[in-house]
Amino acid sequence: MINYRPGELDQRIDIKYKSKVADGGGGNVITWQILGCNIFAKVEPLSGNEALKYNKLNAIALYKFVVRYREDIDETQKIIWNGDEYDIKYILGRGVRKLYLEFIAERGATL
């Protein structure tokens, strides 16, 4: 079990989730709603690269986020950190009696 010191969770993030909202014409539109505001997290850059595809430069970066354990975070959600949006790609080691939740998220264009 990995332990973190509470002081290591020194960055504030927001979590967004998809929500269906009535469009007034009998249909629905997908919007992003805030699940949790100002959640304290530890943020670690993992890797990044740039690729030229279709005459466009795409920069992608992977980050690991660590928060106090929560059941309401999953891979369909996004993280907002320092004004940038990150797609949650996978969650590491969900389980019983966990103190922390670790997940990998990606920023940038998906190739």
PDB file of N, CA and C in Angstrom:
ATOM      1  N   MET A   1       0.848  -1.189   0.000  1.00  0.00           N
ATOM      2  CA  MET A   1       0.000   0.000   0.000  1.00  0.00           C
ATOM      3  C   MET A   1       0.882   1.238   0.000  1.00  0.00           C
ATOM      4  N   ILE A   2       0.592   2.152  -0.898  1.00  0.00           N
ATOM      5  CA  ILE A   2       1.358   3.385  -0.995  1.00  0.00           C
ATOM      6  C   ILE A   2       0.752   4.410  -0.053  1.00  0.00           C
ATOM      7  N   ASN A   3       1.614   5.042   0.720  1.00  0.00           N
ATOM      8  CA  ASN A   3       1.154   6.092   1.632  1.00  0.00           C
ATOM      9  C   ASN A   3       1.720   7.427   1.189  1.00  0.00           C
ATOM     10  N   TYR A   4       0.930   8.435   1.333  1.00  0.00           N
ATOM     11  CA  TYR A   4       1.336   9.799   1.032  1.00  0.00           C
ATOM     12  C   TYR A   4       1.167  10.622   2.294  1.00  0.00           C
ATOM     13  N   ARG A   5       1.973  11.643   2.419  1.00  0.00           N
ATOM     14  CA  ARG A   5       1.785  12.588   3.515  1.00  0.00           C
ATOM     15  C   ARG A   5       0.710  13.582   3.080  1.00  0.00           C
ATOM     16  N   PRO A   6      -0.170  13.975   3.983  1.00  0.00           N
ATOM     17  CA  PRO A   6      -1.237  14.921   3.609  1.00  0.00           C
ATOM     18  C   PRO A   6      -0.703  16.198   2.957  1.00  0.00           C
ATOM     19  N   GLY A   7       0.472  16.652   3.363  1.00  0.00           N
ATOM     20  CA  GLY A   7       1.047  17.866   2.791  1.00  0.00           C
ATOM     21  C   GLY A   7       1.446  17.727   1.334  1.00  0.00           C
ATOM     22  N   GLU A   8       1.570  16.484   0.838  1.00  0.00           N
ATOM     23  CA  GLU A   8       1.906  16.267  -0.567  1.00  0.00           C
ATOM     24  C   GLU A   8       0.726  16.577  -1.481  1.00  0.00           C
ATOM     25  N   LEU A   9      -0.482  16.521  -0.956  1.00  0.00           N
ATOM     26  CA  LEU A   9      -1.685  16.827  -1.736  1.00  0.00           C
ATOM     27  C   LEU A   9      -1.909  18.333  -1.666  1.00  0.00           C
ATOM     28  N   ASP A  10      -1.090  19.062  -2.435  1.00  0.00           N
ATOM     29  CA  ASP A  10      -1.060  20.519  -2.307  1.00  0.00           C
ATOM     30  C   ASP A  10      -1.581  21.269  -3.534  1.00  0.00           C
ATOM     31  N   GLN A  11      -2.129  20.540  -4.502  1.00  0.00           N
ATOM     32  CA  GLN A  11      -2.699  21.162  -5.696  1.00  0.00           C
ATOM     33  C   GLN A  11      -4.217  21.035  -5.647  1.00  0.00           C
ATOM     34  N   ARG A  12      -4.902  22.032  -6.169  1.00  0.00           N
ATOM     35  CA  ARG A  12      -6.364  21.980  -6.208  1.00  0.00           C
ATOM     36  C   ARG A  12      -6.825  21.611  -7.612  1.00  0.00           C
ATOM     37  N   ILE A  13      -7.728  20.618  -7.684  1.00  0.00           N
ATOM     38  CA  ILE A  13      -8.286  20.197  -8.967  1.00  0.00           C
ATOM     39  C   ILE A  13      -9.804  20.210  -8.875  1.00  0.00           C
ATOM     40  N   ASP A  14     -10.438  20.233 -10.027  1.00  0.00           N
ATOM     41  CA  ASP A  14     -11.885  20.067 -10.129  1.00  0.00           C
ATOM     42  C   ASP A  14     -12.133  18.825 -10.970  1.00  0.00           C
ATOM     43  N   ILE A  15     -13.219  18.123 -10.700  1.00  0.00           N
ATOM     44  CA  ILE A  15     -13.618  16.950 -11.468  1.00  0.00           C
ATOM     45  C   ILE A  15     -14.916  17.290 -12.195  1.00  0.00           C
ATOM     46  N   LYS A  16     -14.974  16.978 -13.509  1.00  0.00           N
ATOM     47  CA  LYS A  16     -16.178  17.211 -14.299  1.00  0.00           C
ATOM     48  C   LYS A  16     -16.715  15.879 -14.809  1.00  0.00           C
ATOM     49  N   TYR A  17     -18.044  15.788 -14.913  1.00  0.00           N
ATOM     50  CA  TYR A  17     -18.688  14.592 -15.445  1.00  0.00           C
ATOM     51  C   TYR A  17     -19.717  14.986 -16.497  1.00  0.00           C
ATOM     52  N   LYS A  18     -20.031  14.037 -17.392  1.00  0.00           N
ATOM     53  CA  LYS A  18     -21.031  14.280 -18.432  1.00  0.00           C
ATOM     54  C   LYS A  18     -22.423  14.205 -17.844  1.00  0.00           C
ATOM     55  N   SER A  19     -23.278  15.099 -18.323  1.00  0.00           N
ATOM     56  CA  SER A  19     -24.658  15.137 -17.855  1.00  0.00           C
ATOM     57  C   SER A  19     -25.568  15.437 -19.033  1.00  0.00           C
ATOM     58  N   LYS A  20     -26.725  14.782 -19.087  1.00  0.00           N
ATOM     59  CA  LYS A  20     -27.718  15.079 -20.120  1.00  0.00           C
ATOM     60  C   LYS A  20     -28.658  16.153 -19.591  1.00  0.00           C
ATOM     61  N   VAL A  21     -28.884  17.168 -20.420  1.00  0.00           N
ATOM     62  CA  VAL A  21     -29.763  18.272 -20.055  1.00  0.00           C
ATOM     63  C   VAL A  21     -30.795  18.428 -21.167  1.00  0.00           C
ATOM     64  N   ALA A  22     -32.043  18.622 -20.788  1.00  0.00           N
ATOM     65  CA  ALA A  22     -33.112  18.823 -21.777  1.00  0.00           C
ATOM     66  C   ALA A  22     -32.811  20.075 -22.594  1.00  0.00           C
ATOM     67  N   ASP A  23     -33.014  19.957 -23.907  1.00  0.00           N
ATOM     68  CA  ASP A  23     -32.724  21.096 -24.786  1.00  0.00           C
ATOM     69  C   ASP A  23     -33.950  21.957 -25.077  1.00  0.00           C
ATOM     70  N   GLY A  24     -35.105  21.625 -24.503  1.00  0.00           N
ATOM     71  CA  GLY A  24     -36.306  22.411 -24.706  1.00  0.00           C
ATOM     72  C   GLY A  24     -37.092  22.015 -25.947  1.00  0.00           C
ATOM     73  N   GLY A  25     -36.523  21.158 -26.759  1.00  0.00           N
ATOM     74  CA  GLY A  25     -37.202  20.713 -27.971  1.00  0.00           C
ATOM     75  C   GLY A  25     -37.527  19.228 -27.933  1.00  0.00           C
ATOM     76  N   GLY A  26     -37.522  18.646 -26.753  1.00  0.00           N
ATOM     77  CA  GLY A  26     -37.820  17.233 -26.607  1.00  0.00           C
ATOM     78  C   GLY A  26     -36.599  16.333 -26.634  1.00  0.00           C
ATOM     79  N   GLY A  27     -35.435  16.910 -26.831  1.00  0.00           N
ATOM     80  CA  GLY A  27     -34.203  16.124 -26.869  1.00  0.00           C
ATOM     81  C   GLY A  27     -33.294  16.464 -25.696  1.00  0.00           C
ATOM     82  N   ASN A  28     -32.101  15.970 -25.785  1.00  0.00           N
ATOM     83  CA  ASN A  28     -31.105  16.218 -24.747  1.00  0.00           C
ATOM     84  C   ASN A  28     -29.800  16.674 -25.377  1.00  0.00           C
ATOM     85  N   VAL A  29     -29.041  17.429 -24.606  1.00  0.00           N
ATOM     86  CA  VAL A  29     -27.682  17.784 -24.986  1.00  0.00           C
ATOM     87  C   VAL A  29     -26.756  17.336 -23.866  1.00  0.00           C
ATOM     88  N   ILE A  30     -25.534  16.982 -24.231  1.00  0.00           N
ATOM     89  CA  ILE A  30     -24.542  16.565 -23.243  1.00  0.00           C
ATOM     90  C   ILE A  30     -23.771  17.802 -22.801  1.00  0.00           C
ATOM     91  N   THR A  31     -23.696  18.004 -21.500  1.00  0.00           N
ATOM     92  CA  THR A  31     -22.906  19.094 -20.934  1.00  0.00           C
ATOM     93  C   THR A  31     -21.969  18.506 -19.880  1.00  0.00           C
ATOM     94  N   TRP A  32     -21.003  19.288 -19.473  1.00  0.00           N
ATOM     95  CA  TRP A  32     -20.080  18.876 -18.424  1.00  0.00           C
ATOM     96  C   TRP A  32     -20.418  19.642 -17.150  1.00  0.00           C
ATOM     97  N   GLN A  33     -20.609  18.920 -16.063  1.00  0.00           N
ATOM     98  CA  GLN A  33     -20.940  19.503 -14.763  1.00  0.00           C
ATOM     99  C   GLN A  33     -19.782  19.256 -13.791  1.00  0.00           C
ATOM    100  N   ILE A  34     -19.662  20.117 -12.806  1.00  0.00           N
ATOM    101  CA  ILE A  34     -18.616  19.959 -11.789  1.00  0.00           C
ATOM    102  C   ILE A  34     -19.075  18.943 -10.751  1.00  0.00           C
ATOM    103  N   LEU A  35     -18.275  17.895 -10.552  1.00  0.00           N
ATOM    104  CA  LEU A  35     -18.547  16.888  -9.526  1.00  0.00           C
ATOM    105  C   LEU A  35     -17.962  17.330  -8.191  1.00  0.00           C
ATOM    106  N   GLY A  36     -16.734  17.724  -8.216  1.00  0.00           N
ATOM    107  CA  GLY A  36     -16.065  18.151  -6.988  1.00  0.00           C
ATOM    108  C   GLY A  36     -15.186  19.347  -7.275  1.00  0.00           C
ATOM    109  N   CYS A  37     -15.334  20.368  -6.467  1.00  0.00           N
ATOM    110  CA  CYS A  37     -14.535  21.579  -6.609  1.00  0.00           C
ATOM    111  C   CYS A  37     -13.433  21.593  -5.573  1.00  0.00           C
ATOM    112  N   ASN A  38     -12.291  22.069  -5.989  1.00  0.00           N
ATOM    113  CA  ASN A  38     -11.170  22.278  -5.075  1.00  0.00           C
ATOM    114  C   ASN A  38     -10.823  21.043  -4.252  1.00  0.00           C
ATOM    115  N   ILE A  39     -10.666  19.919  -4.950  1.00  0.00           N
ATOM    116  CA  ILE A  39     -10.199  18.699  -4.315  1.00  0.00           C
ATOM    117  C   ILE A  39      -8.678  18.798  -4.235  1.00  0.00           C
ATOM    118  N   PHE A  40      -8.116  18.504  -3.082  1.00  0.00           N
ATOM    119  CA  PHE A  40      -6.666  18.548  -2.943  1.00  0.00           C
ATOM    120  C   PHE A  40      -6.058  17.304  -3.569  1.00  0.00           C
ATOM    121  N   ALA A  41      -4.993  17.501  -4.351  1.00  0.00           N
ATOM    122  CA  ALA A  41      -4.371  16.397  -5.076  1.00  0.00           C
ATOM    123  C   ALA A  41      -2.863  16.578  -5.126  1.00  0.00           C
ATOM    124  N   LYS A  42      -2.185  15.453  -5.302  1.00  0.00           N
ATOM    125  CA  LYS A  42      -0.774  15.465  -5.657  1.00  0.00           C
ATOM    126  C   LYS A  42      -0.728  15.238  -7.158  1.00  0.00           C
ATOM    127  N   VAL A  43       0.078  16.024  -7.862  1.00  0.00           N
ATOM    128  CA  VAL A  43       0.151  15.927  -9.317  1.00  0.00           C
ATOM    129  C   VAL A  43       1.601  15.633  -9.704  1.00  0.00           C
ATOM    130  N   GLU A  44       1.786  14.575 -10.494  1.00  0.00           N
ATOM    131  CA  GLU A  44       3.122  14.189 -10.949  1.00  0.00           C
ATOM    132  C   GLU A  44       3.116  14.042 -12.470  1.00  0.00           C
ATOM    133  N   PRO A  45       3.967  14.770 -13.185  1.00  0.00           N
ATOM    134  CA  PRO A  45       4.080  14.536 -14.617  1.00  0.00           C
ATOM    135  C   PRO A  45       4.756  13.191 -14.861  1.00  0.00           C
ATOM    136  N   LEU A  46       4.248  12.419 -15.833  1.00  0.00           N
ATOM    137  CA  LEU A  46       4.821  11.107 -16.128  1.00  0.00           C
ATOM    138  C   LEU A  46       5.575  11.095 -17.451  1.00  0.00           C
ATOM    139  N   SER A  47       4.922  11.552 -18.520  1.00  0.00           N
ATOM    140  CA  SER A  47       5.578  11.548 -19.824  1.00  0.00           C
ATOM    141  C   SER A  47       4.874  12.521 -20.749  1.00  0.00           C
ATOM    142  N   GLY A  48       5.510  12.765 -21.864  1.00  0.00           N
ATOM    143  CA  GLY A  48       4.902  13.618 -22.865  1.00  0.00           C
ATOM    144  C   GLY A  48       5.601  13.432 -24.194  1.00  0.00           C
ATOM    145  N   ASN A  49       4.908  13.784 -25.269  1.00  0.00           N
ATOM    146  CA  ASN A  49       5.533  13.745 -26.587  1.00  0.00           C
ATOM    147  C   ASN A  49       4.783  14.652 -27.543  1.00  0.00           C
ATOM    148  N   GLU A  50       5.427  14.902 -28.651  1.00  0.00           N
ATOM    149  CA  GLU A  50       4.814  15.681 -29.718  1.00  0.00           C
ATOM    150  C   GLU A  50       4.852  14.849 -30.989  1.00  0.00           C
ATOM    151  N   ALA A  51       3.822  14.976 -31.784  1.00  0.00           N
ATOM    152  CA  ALA A  51       3.767  14.250 -33.050  1.00  0.00           C
ATOM    153  C   ALA A  51       3.134  15.147 -34.101  1.00  0.00           C
ATOM    154  N   LEU A  52       3.671  15.085 -35.290  1.00  0.00           N
ATOM    155  CA  LEU A  52       3.110  15.821 -36.412  1.00  0.00           C
ATOM    156  C   LEU A  52       2.206  14.868 -37.180  1.00  0.00           C
ATOM    157  N   LYS A  53       0.911  15.204 -37.220  1.00  0.00           N
ATOM    158  CA  LYS A  53      -0.046  14.359 -37.923  1.00  0.00           C
ATOM    159  C   LYS A  53      -1.030  15.270 -38.641  1.00  0.00           C
ATOM    160  N   TYR A  54      -1.259  14.982 -39.901  1.00  0.00           N
ATOM    161  CA  TYR A  54      -2.153  15.794 -40.735  1.00  0.00           C
ATOM    162  C   TYR A  54      -1.741  17.260 -40.719  1.00  0.00           C
ATOM    163  N   ASN A  55      -0.433  17.496 -40.791  1.00  0.00           N
ATOM    164  CA  ASN A  55       0.146  18.843 -40.795  1.00  0.00           C
ATOM    165  C   ASN A  55      -0.217  19.650 -39.555  1.00  0.00           C
ATOM    166  N   LYS A  56      -0.444  18.957 -38.463  1.00  0.00           N
ATOM    167  CA  LYS A  56      -0.770  19.616 -37.201  1.00  0.00           C
ATOM    168  C   LYS A  56       0.096  19.023 -36.099  1.00  0.00           C
ATOM    169  N   LEU A  57       0.674  19.875 -35.278  1.00  0.00           N
ATOM    170  CA  LEU A  57       1.491  19.406 -34.166  1.00  0.00           C
ATOM    171  C   LEU A  57       0.597  19.085 -32.980  1.00  0.00           C
ATOM    172  N   ASN A  58       0.648  17.844 -32.519  1.00  0.00           N
ATOM    173  CA  ASN A  58      -0.139  17.410 -31.370  1.00  0.00           C
ATOM    174  C   ASN A  58       0.802  17.127 -30.200  1.00  0.00           C
ATOM    175  N   ALA A  59       0.564  17.771 -29.093  1.00  0.00           N
ATOM    176  CA  ALA A  59       1.360  17.546 -27.888  1.00  0.00           C
ATOM    177  C   ALA A  59       0.495  16.837 -26.858  1.00  0.00           C
ATOM    178  N   ILE A  60       1.022  15.739 -26.337  1.00  0.00           N
ATOM    179  CA  ILE A  60       0.280  14.934 -25.365  1.00  0.00           C
ATOM    180  C   ILE A  60       1.142  14.764 -24.124  1.00  0.00           C
ATOM    181  N   ALA A  61       0.525  14.867 -22.959  1.00  0.00           N
ATOM    182  CA  ALA A  61       1.241  14.671 -21.701  1.00  0.00           C
ATOM    183  C   ALA A  61       0.411  13.799 -20.765  1.00  0.00           C
ATOM    184  N   LEU A  62       1.082  12.863 -20.094  1.00  0.00           N
ATOM    185  CA  LEU A  62       0.431  12.021 -19.092  1.00  0.00           C
ATOM    186  C   LEU A  62       0.832  12.481 -17.701  1.00  0.00           C
ATOM    187  N   TYR A  63      -0.153  12.505 -16.804  1.00  0.00           N
ATOM    188  CA  TYR A  63       0.071  12.914 -15.424  1.00  0.00           C
ATOM    189  C   TYR A  63      -0.558  11.894 -14.488  1.00  0.00           C
ATOM    190  N   LYS A  64       0.023  11.761 -13.307  1.00  0.00           N
ATOM    191  CA  LYS A  64      -0.605  10.955 -12.256  1.00  0.00           C
ATOM    192  C   LYS A  64      -1.169  11.916 -11.221  1.00  0.00           C
ATOM    193  N   PHE A  65      -2.429  11.714 -10.880  1.00  0.00           N
ATOM    194  CA  PHE A  65      -3.102  12.497  -9.849  1.00  0.00           C
ATOM    195  C   PHE A  65      -3.399  11.580  -8.673  1.00  0.00           C
ATOM    196  N   VAL A  66      -3.201  12.081  -7.470  1.00  0.00           N
ATOM    197  CA  VAL A  66      -3.504  11.328  -6.252  1.00  0.00           C
ATOM    198  C   VAL A  66      -4.409  12.198  -5.394  1.00  0.00           C
ATOM    199  N   VAL A  67      -5.541  11.632  -4.970  1.00  0.00           N
ATOM    200  CA  VAL A  67      -6.485  12.337  -4.098  1.00  0.00           C
ATOM    201  C   VAL A  67      -6.853  11.420  -2.933  1.00  0.00           C
ATOM    202  N   ARG A  68      -7.458  11.983  -1.916  1.00  0.00           N
ATOM    203  CA  ARG A  68      -8.020  11.135  -0.865  1.00  0.00           C
ATOM    204  C   ARG A  68      -9.050  10.225  -1.505  1.00  0.00           C
ATOM    205  N   TYR A  69      -9.185   9.005  -1.005  1.00  0.00           N
ATOM    206  CA  TYR A  69     -10.033   8.004  -1.652  1.00  0.00           C
ATOM    207  C   TYR A  69     -11.469   8.492  -1.790  1.00  0.00           C
ATOM    208  N   ARG A  70     -12.014   8.289  -2.986  1.00  0.00           N
ATOM    209  CA  ARG A  70     -13.405   8.633  -3.305  1.00  0.00           C
ATOM    210  C   ARG A  70     -13.953   7.546  -4.203  1.00  0.00           C
ATOM    211  N   GLU A  71     -15.239   7.268  -4.068  1.00  0.00           N
ATOM    212  CA  GLU A  71     -15.911   6.280  -4.919  1.00  0.00           C
ATOM    213  C   GLU A  71     -16.499   6.897  -6.184  1.00  0.00           C
ATOM    214  N   ASP A  72     -16.586   8.223  -6.254  1.00  0.00           N
ATOM    215  CA  ASP A  72     -17.322   8.876  -7.331  1.00  0.00           C
ATOM    216  C   ASP A  72     -16.464   9.340  -8.506  1.00  0.00           C
ATOM    217  N   ILE A  73     -15.241   8.865  -8.612  1.00  0.00           N
ATOM    218  CA  ILE A  73     -14.378   9.230  -9.732  1.00  0.00           C
ATOM    219  C   ILE A  73     -14.214   8.012 -10.630  1.00  0.00           C
ATOM    220  N   ASP A  74     -14.402   8.210 -11.955  1.00  0.00           N
ATOM    221  CA  ASP A  74     -14.214   7.102 -12.887  1.00  0.00           C
ATOM    222  C   ASP A  74     -13.605   7.609 -14.201  1.00  0.00           C
ATOM    223  N   GLU A  75     -13.399   6.692 -15.128  1.00  0.00           N
ATOM    224  CA  GLU A  75     -12.695   6.993 -16.372  1.00  0.00           C
ATOM    225  C   GLU A  75     -13.506   7.805 -17.380  1.00  0.00           C
ATOM    226  N   THR A  76     -14.751   8.084 -17.118  1.00  0.00           N
ATOM    227  CA  THR A  76     -15.552   8.899 -18.034  1.00  0.00           C
ATOM    228  C   THR A  76     -15.439  10.390 -17.724  1.00  0.00           C
ATOM    229  N   GLN A  77     -14.702  10.732 -16.694  1.00  0.00           N
ATOM    230  CA  GLN A  77     -14.655  12.112 -16.214  1.00  0.00           C
ATOM    231  C   GLN A  77     -13.391  12.837 -16.654  1.00  0.00           C
ATOM    232  N   LYS A  78     -13.374  14.130 -16.385  1.00  0.00           N
ATOM    233  CA  LYS A  78     -12.238  14.991 -16.706  1.00  0.00           C
ATOM    234  C   LYS A  78     -11.770  15.718 -15.460  1.00  0.00           C
ATOM    235  N   ILE A  79     -10.519  16.128 -15.495  1.00  0.00           N
ATOM    236  CA  ILE A  79      -9.922  16.904 -14.410  1.00  0.00           C
ATOM    237  C   ILE A  79      -9.598  18.286 -14.958  1.00  0.00           C
ATOM    238  N   ILE A  80      -9.823  19.292 -14.149  1.00  0.00           N
ATOM    239  CA  ILE A  80      -9.378  20.643 -14.466  1.00  0.00           C
ATOM    240  C   ILE A  80      -8.295  20.991 -13.451  1.00  0.00           C
ATOM    241  N   TRP A  81      -7.105  21.281 -13.952  1.00  0.00           N
ATOM    242  CA  TRP A  81      -5.987  21.654 -13.086  1.00  0.00           C
ATOM    243  C   TRP A  81      -5.242  22.803 -13.746  1.00  0.00           C
ATOM    244  N   ASN A  82      -5.075  23.885 -13.033  1.00  0.00           N
ATOM    245  CA  ASN A  82      -4.402  25.085 -13.546  1.00  0.00           C
ATOM    246  C   ASN A  82      -4.985  25.559 -14.880  1.00  0.00           C
ATOM    247  N   GLY A  83      -6.298  25.414 -15.032  1.00  0.00           N
ATOM    248  CA  GLY A  83      -6.964  25.878 -16.245  1.00  0.00           C
ATOM    249  C   GLY A  83      -6.903  24.922 -17.423  1.00  0.00           C
ATOM    250  N   ASP A  84      -6.194  23.806 -17.277  1.00  0.00           N
ATOM    251  CA  ASP A  84      -6.098  22.816 -18.351  1.00  0.00           C
ATOM    252  C   ASP A  84      -7.015  21.635 -18.060  1.00  0.00           C
ATOM    253  N   GLU A  85      -7.470  20.988 -19.118  1.00  0.00           N
ATOM    254  CA  GLU A  85      -8.382  19.853 -19.007  1.00  0.00           C
ATOM    255  C   GLU A  85      -7.619  18.552 -19.272  1.00  0.00           C
ATOM    256  N   TYR A  86      -7.858  17.553 -18.436  1.00  0.00           N
ATOM    257  CA  TYR A  86      -7.191  16.250 -18.536  1.00  0.00           C
ATOM    258  C   TYR A  86      -8.262  15.162 -18.576  1.00  0.00           C
ATOM    259  N   ASP A  87      -8.129  14.220 -19.506  1.00  0.00           N
ATOM    260  CA  ASP A  87      -9.036  13.072 -19.587  1.00  0.00           C
ATOM    261  C   ASP A  87      -8.504  11.961 -18.694  1.00  0.00           C
ATOM    262  N   ILE A  88      -9.343  11.451 -17.802  1.00  0.00           N
ATOM    263  CA  ILE A  88      -8.928  10.334 -16.957  1.00  0.00           C
ATOM    264  C   ILE A  88      -8.862   9.086 -17.830  1.00  0.00           C
ATOM    265  N   LYS A  89      -7.700   8.451 -17.899  1.00  0.00           N
ATOM    266  CA  LYS A  89      -7.497   7.272 -18.743  1.00  0.00           C
ATOM    267  C   LYS A  89      -7.691   5.981 -17.962  1.00  0.00           C
ATOM    268  N   TYR A  90      -7.128   5.870 -16.772  1.00  0.00           N
ATOM    269  CA  TYR A  90      -7.385   4.709 -15.936  1.00  0.00           C
ATOM    270  C   TYR A  90      -7.071   5.003 -14.483  1.00  0.00           C
ATOM    271  N   ILE A  91      -7.720   4.224 -13.633  1.00  0.00           N
ATOM    272  CA  ILE A  91      -7.597   4.376 -12.189  1.00  0.00           C
ATOM    273  C   ILE A  91      -6.786   3.202 -11.674  1.00  0.00           C
ATOM    274  N   LEU A  92      -5.811   3.504 -10.842  1.00  0.00           N
ATOM    275  CA  LEU A  92      -4.921   2.486 -10.308  1.00  0.00           C
ATOM    276  C   LEU A  92      -5.451   1.955  -8.981  1.00  0.00           C
ATOM    277  N   GLY A  93      -5.593   0.643  -8.879  1.00  0.00           N
ATOM    278  CA  GLY A  93      -5.843  -0.039  -7.616  1.00  0.00           C
ATOM    279  C   GLY A  93      -7.028   0.402  -6.796  1.00  0.00           C
ATOM    280  N   ARG A  94      -8.210   0.342  -7.361  1.00  0.00           N
ATOM    281  CA  ARG A  94      -9.398   0.561  -6.525  1.00  0.00           C
ATOM    282  C   ARG A  94      -9.497  -0.596  -5.553  1.00  0.00           C
ATOM    283  N   GLY A  95     -10.009  -0.353  -4.377  1.00  0.00           N
ATOM    284  CA  GLY A  95     -10.162  -1.465  -3.453  1.00  0.00           C
ATOM    285  C   GLY A  95     -10.663  -1.028  -2.102  1.00  0.00           C
ATOM    286  N   VAL A  96     -10.796  -1.992  -1.258  1.00  0.00           N
ATOM    287  CA  VAL A  96     -11.288  -1.771   0.088  1.00  0.00           C
ATOM    288  C   VAL A  96     -10.158  -1.217   0.949  1.00  0.00           C
ATOM    289  N   ARG A  97     -10.510  -0.365   1.862  1.00  0.00           N
ATOM    290  CA  ARG A  97      -9.588   0.185   2.854  1.00  0.00           C
ATOM    291  C   ARG A  97      -8.462   1.007   2.237  1.00  0.00           C
ATOM    292  N   LYS A  98      -8.761   1.658   1.169  1.00  0.00           N
ATOM    293  CA  LYS A  98      -7.777   2.531   0.532  1.00  0.00           C
ATOM    294  C   LYS A  98      -7.859   3.923   1.155  1.00  0.00           C
ATOM    295  N   LEU A  99      -6.724   4.540   1.324  1.00  0.00           N
ATOM    296  CA  LEU A  99      -6.695   5.914   1.811  1.00  0.00           C
ATOM    297  C   LEU A  99      -6.631   6.910   0.662  1.00  0.00           C
ATOM    298  N   TYR A 100      -5.993   6.474  -0.434  1.00  0.00           N
ATOM    299  CA  TYR A 100      -5.786   7.373  -1.564  1.00  0.00           C
ATOM    300  C   TYR A 100      -6.249   6.713  -2.858  1.00  0.00           C
ATOM    301  N   LEU A 101      -6.602   7.550  -3.813  1.00  0.00           N
ATOM    302  CA  LEU A 101      -6.989   7.093  -5.139  1.00  0.00           C
ATOM    303  C   LEU A 101      -5.984   7.682  -6.121  1.00  0.00           C
ATOM    304  N   GLU A 102      -5.374   6.824  -6.926  1.00  0.00           N
ATOM    305  CA  GLU A 102      -4.401   7.258  -7.922  1.00  0.00           C
ATOM    306  C   GLU A 102      -5.001   7.028  -9.308  1.00  0.00           C
ATOM    307  N   PHE A 103      -4.832   8.000 -10.183  1.00  0.00           N
ATOM    308  CA  PHE A 103      -5.303   7.815 -11.545  1.00  0.00           C
ATOM    309  C   PHE A 103      -4.399   8.540 -12.524  1.00  0.00           C
ATOM    310  N   ILE A 104      -4.383   8.013 -13.743  1.00  0.00           N
ATOM    311  CA  ILE A 104      -3.577   8.573 -14.824  1.00  0.00           C
ATOM    312  C   ILE A 104      -4.511   9.355 -15.735  1.00  0.00           C
ATOM    313  N   ALA A 105      -4.072  10.556 -16.098  1.00  0.00           N
ATOM    314  CA  ALA A 105      -4.881  11.404 -16.965  1.00  0.00           C
ATOM    315  C   ALA A 105      -4.003  11.982 -18.061  1.00  0.00           C
ATOM    316  N   GLU A 106      -4.643  12.311 -19.192  1.00  0.00           N
ATOM    317  CA  GLU A 106      -3.923  12.792 -20.367  1.00  0.00           C
ATOM    318  C   GLU A 106      -4.389  14.186 -20.745  1.00  0.00           C
ATOM    319  N   ARG A 107      -3.433  15.038 -21.073  1.00  0.00           N
ATOM    320  CA  ARG A 107      -3.741  16.377 -21.550  1.00  0.00           C
ATOM    321  C   ARG A 107      -3.270  16.475 -22.981  1.00  0.00           C
ATOM    322  N   GLY A 108      -4.061  17.130 -23.803  1.00  0.00           N
ATOM    323  CA  GLY A 108      -3.656  17.345 -25.186  1.00  0.00           C
ATOM    324  C   GLY A 108      -4.541  16.580 -26.140  1.00  0.00           C
ATOM    325  N   ALA A 109      -4.251  16.728 -27.393  1.00  0.00           N
ATOM    326  CA  ALA A 109      -5.044  16.072 -28.438  1.00  0.00           C
ATOM    327  C   ALA A 109      -4.775  14.577 -28.433  1.00  0.00           C
ATOM    328  N   THR A 110      -5.830  13.808 -28.579  1.00  0.00           N
ATOM    329  CA  THR A 110      -5.692  12.372 -28.682  1.00  0.00           C
ATOM    330  C   THR A 110      -5.507  12.014 -30.153  1.00  0.00           C
ATOM    331  N   LEU A 111      -4.432  11.303 -30.452  1.00  0.00           N
ATOM    332  CA  LEU A 111      -4.146  10.940 -31.850  1.00  0.00           C
ATOM    333  C   LEU A 111      -4.993   9.781 -32.287  1.00  0.00           C
TER     334      LEU A 111
END
